[in-house]
């Protein structure tokens, strides 16, 4: 029984982020700088709010939540 629970816990571990502050694009297996990923996220969130895909209060709530989560991690 221990080997099953141990293998499940090993498969749910999160891979550590590379030390250079970059992200790996899963399908392309290439690295992107962290700043580019952040700009893409914020641009996508703003774009979705501008075209009406999500409501502005929801976009603000998501943005505030991300800022708080990132501040908490530091």
C-alpha atoms as a PDB file:
ATOM      1  CA  UNK A   1       0.000   0.000   0.000  1.00  0.00           C
ATOM      2  CA  UNK A   2       2.826   2.397   0.771  1.00  0.00           C
ATOM      3  CA  UNK A   3       4.261   2.149  -2.734  1.00  0.00           C
ATOM      4  CA  UNK A   4       0.919   3.220  -4.254  1.00  0.00           C
ATOM      5  CA  UNK A   5       0.576   6.266  -1.998  1.00  0.00           C
ATOM      6  CA  UNK A   6       4.239   7.080  -2.461  1.00  0.00           C
ATOM      7  CA  UNK A   7       3.944   6.933  -6.260  1.00  0.00           C
ATOM      8  CA  UNK A   8       0.845   9.156  -6.137  1.00  0.00           C
ATOM      9  CA  UNK A   9       2.630  11.767  -4.049  1.00  0.00           C
ATOM     10  CA  UNK A  10       5.616  11.683  -6.409  1.00  0.00           C
ATOM     11  CA  UNK A  11       3.402  12.197  -9.444  1.00  0.00           C
ATOM     12  CA  UNK A  12       1.690  15.235  -7.893  1.00  0.00           C
ATOM     13  CA  UNK A  13       4.896  17.082  -7.067  1.00  0.00           C
ATOM     14  CA  UNK A  14       5.401  20.377  -8.848  1.00  0.00           C
ATOM     15  CA  UNK A  15       8.583  20.702 -10.835  1.00  0.00           C
ATOM     16  CA  UNK A  16      10.843  23.450  -9.498  1.00  0.00           C
ATOM     17  CA  UNK A  17      11.104  26.611 -11.544  1.00  0.00           C
ATOM     18  CA  UNK A  18      14.446  27.023 -13.297  1.00  0.00           C
ATOM     19  CA  UNK A  19      16.833  29.197 -11.331  1.00  0.00           C
ATOM     20  CA  UNK A  20      17.126  31.777 -14.102  1.00  0.00           C
ATOM     21  CA  UNK A  21      13.533  33.017 -13.648  1.00  0.00           C
ATOM     22  CA  UNK A  22      12.225  31.647 -16.919  1.00  0.00           C
ATOM     23  CA  UNK A  23       9.257  29.442 -17.762  1.00  0.00           C
ATOM     24  CA  UNK A  24       9.228  26.438 -20.083  1.00  0.00           C
ATOM     25  CA  UNK A  25       6.492  26.348 -22.747  1.00  0.00           C
ATOM     26  CA  UNK A  26       5.190  22.759 -22.570  1.00  0.00           C
ATOM     27  CA  UNK A  27       4.474  22.092 -26.238  1.00  0.00           C
ATOM     28  CA  UNK A  28       7.481  23.918 -27.658  1.00  0.00           C
ATOM     29  CA  UNK A  29      10.007  22.976 -24.947  1.00  0.00           C
ATOM     30  CA  UNK A  30      11.485  26.445 -25.107  1.00  0.00           C
ATOM     31  CA  UNK A  31      12.104  28.959 -22.354  1.00  0.00           C
ATOM     32  CA  UNK A  32      10.386  32.309 -22.002  1.00  0.00           C
ATOM     33  CA  UNK A  33      11.529  35.035 -19.621  1.00  0.00           C
ATOM     34  CA  UNK A  34       9.291  35.513 -16.604  1.00  0.00           C
ATOM     35  CA  UNK A  35       8.582  39.108 -17.613  1.00  0.00           C
ATOM     36  CA  UNK A  36       7.143  37.981 -20.977  1.00  0.00           C
ATOM     37  CA  UNK A  37       4.845  35.488 -19.246  1.00  0.00           C
ATOM     38  CA  UNK A  38       3.643  38.160 -16.812  1.00  0.00           C
ATOM     39  CA  UNK A  39       2.975  40.641 -19.611  1.00  0.00           C
ATOM     40  CA  UNK A  40       1.078  37.970 -21.533  1.00  0.00           C
ATOM     41  CA  UNK A  41      -1.068  37.171 -18.508  1.00  0.00           C
ATOM     42  CA  UNK A  42      -1.919  40.803 -17.728  1.00  0.00           C
ATOM     43  CA  UNK A  43      -2.484  41.594 -21.409  1.00  0.00           C
ATOM     44  CA  UNK A  44      -4.779  38.606 -21.796  1.00  0.00           C
ATOM     45  CA  UNK A  45      -6.729  39.534 -18.682  1.00  0.00           C
ATOM     46  CA  UNK A  46      -7.132  43.141 -19.845  1.00  0.00           C
ATOM     47  CA  UNK A  47      -8.044  42.031 -23.366  1.00  0.00           C
ATOM     48  CA  UNK A  48     -10.683  39.641 -22.096  1.00  0.00           C
ATOM     49  CA  UNK A  49     -12.207  42.414 -19.988  1.00  0.00           C
ATOM     50  CA  UNK A  50     -12.130  44.896 -22.881  1.00  0.00           C
ATOM     51  CA  UNK A  51     -13.908  42.623 -25.353  1.00  0.00           C
ATOM     52  CA  UNK A  52     -16.467  41.626 -22.730  1.00  0.00           C
ATOM     53  CA  UNK A  53     -15.460  37.983 -22.348  1.00  0.00           C
ATOM     54  CA  UNK A  54     -15.349  38.572 -18.591  1.00  0.00           C
ATOM     55  CA  UNK A  55     -16.859  41.360 -16.519  1.00  0.00           C
ATOM     56  CA  UNK A  56     -14.630  44.150 -15.284  1.00  0.00           C
ATOM     57  CA  UNK A  57     -15.283  43.415 -11.559  1.00  0.00           C
ATOM     58  CA  UNK A  58     -14.232  39.798 -12.147  1.00  0.00           C
ATOM     59  CA  UNK A  59     -11.061  40.905 -13.946  1.00  0.00           C
ATOM     60  CA  UNK A  60     -10.255  43.235 -11.055  1.00  0.00           C
ATOM     61  CA  UNK A  61     -10.859  40.472  -8.516  1.00  0.00           C
ATOM     62  CA  UNK A  62      -8.595  38.072 -10.420  1.00  0.00           C
ATOM     63  CA  UNK A  63      -5.904  40.741 -10.749  1.00  0.00           C
ATOM     64  CA  UNK A  64      -6.005  41.605  -7.051  1.00  0.00           C
ATOM     65  CA  UNK A  65      -5.904  37.911  -6.142  1.00  0.00           C
ATOM     66  CA  UNK A  66      -2.838  37.341  -8.322  1.00  0.00           C
ATOM     67  CA  UNK A  67      -1.031  40.341  -6.838  1.00  0.00           C
ATOM     68  CA  UNK A  68      -1.806  39.184  -3.296  1.00  0.00           C
ATOM     69  CA  UNK A  69      -0.743  35.605  -4.041  1.00  0.00           C
ATOM     70  CA  UNK A  70       2.541  36.708  -5.605  1.00  0.00           C
ATOM     71  CA  UNK A  71       3.264  39.071  -2.736  1.00  0.00           C
ATOM     72  CA  UNK A  72       2.524  36.299  -0.244  1.00  0.00           C
ATOM     73  CA  UNK A  73       5.020  33.961  -1.965  1.00  0.00           C
ATOM     74  CA  UNK A  74       7.877  36.425  -1.604  1.00  0.00           C
END
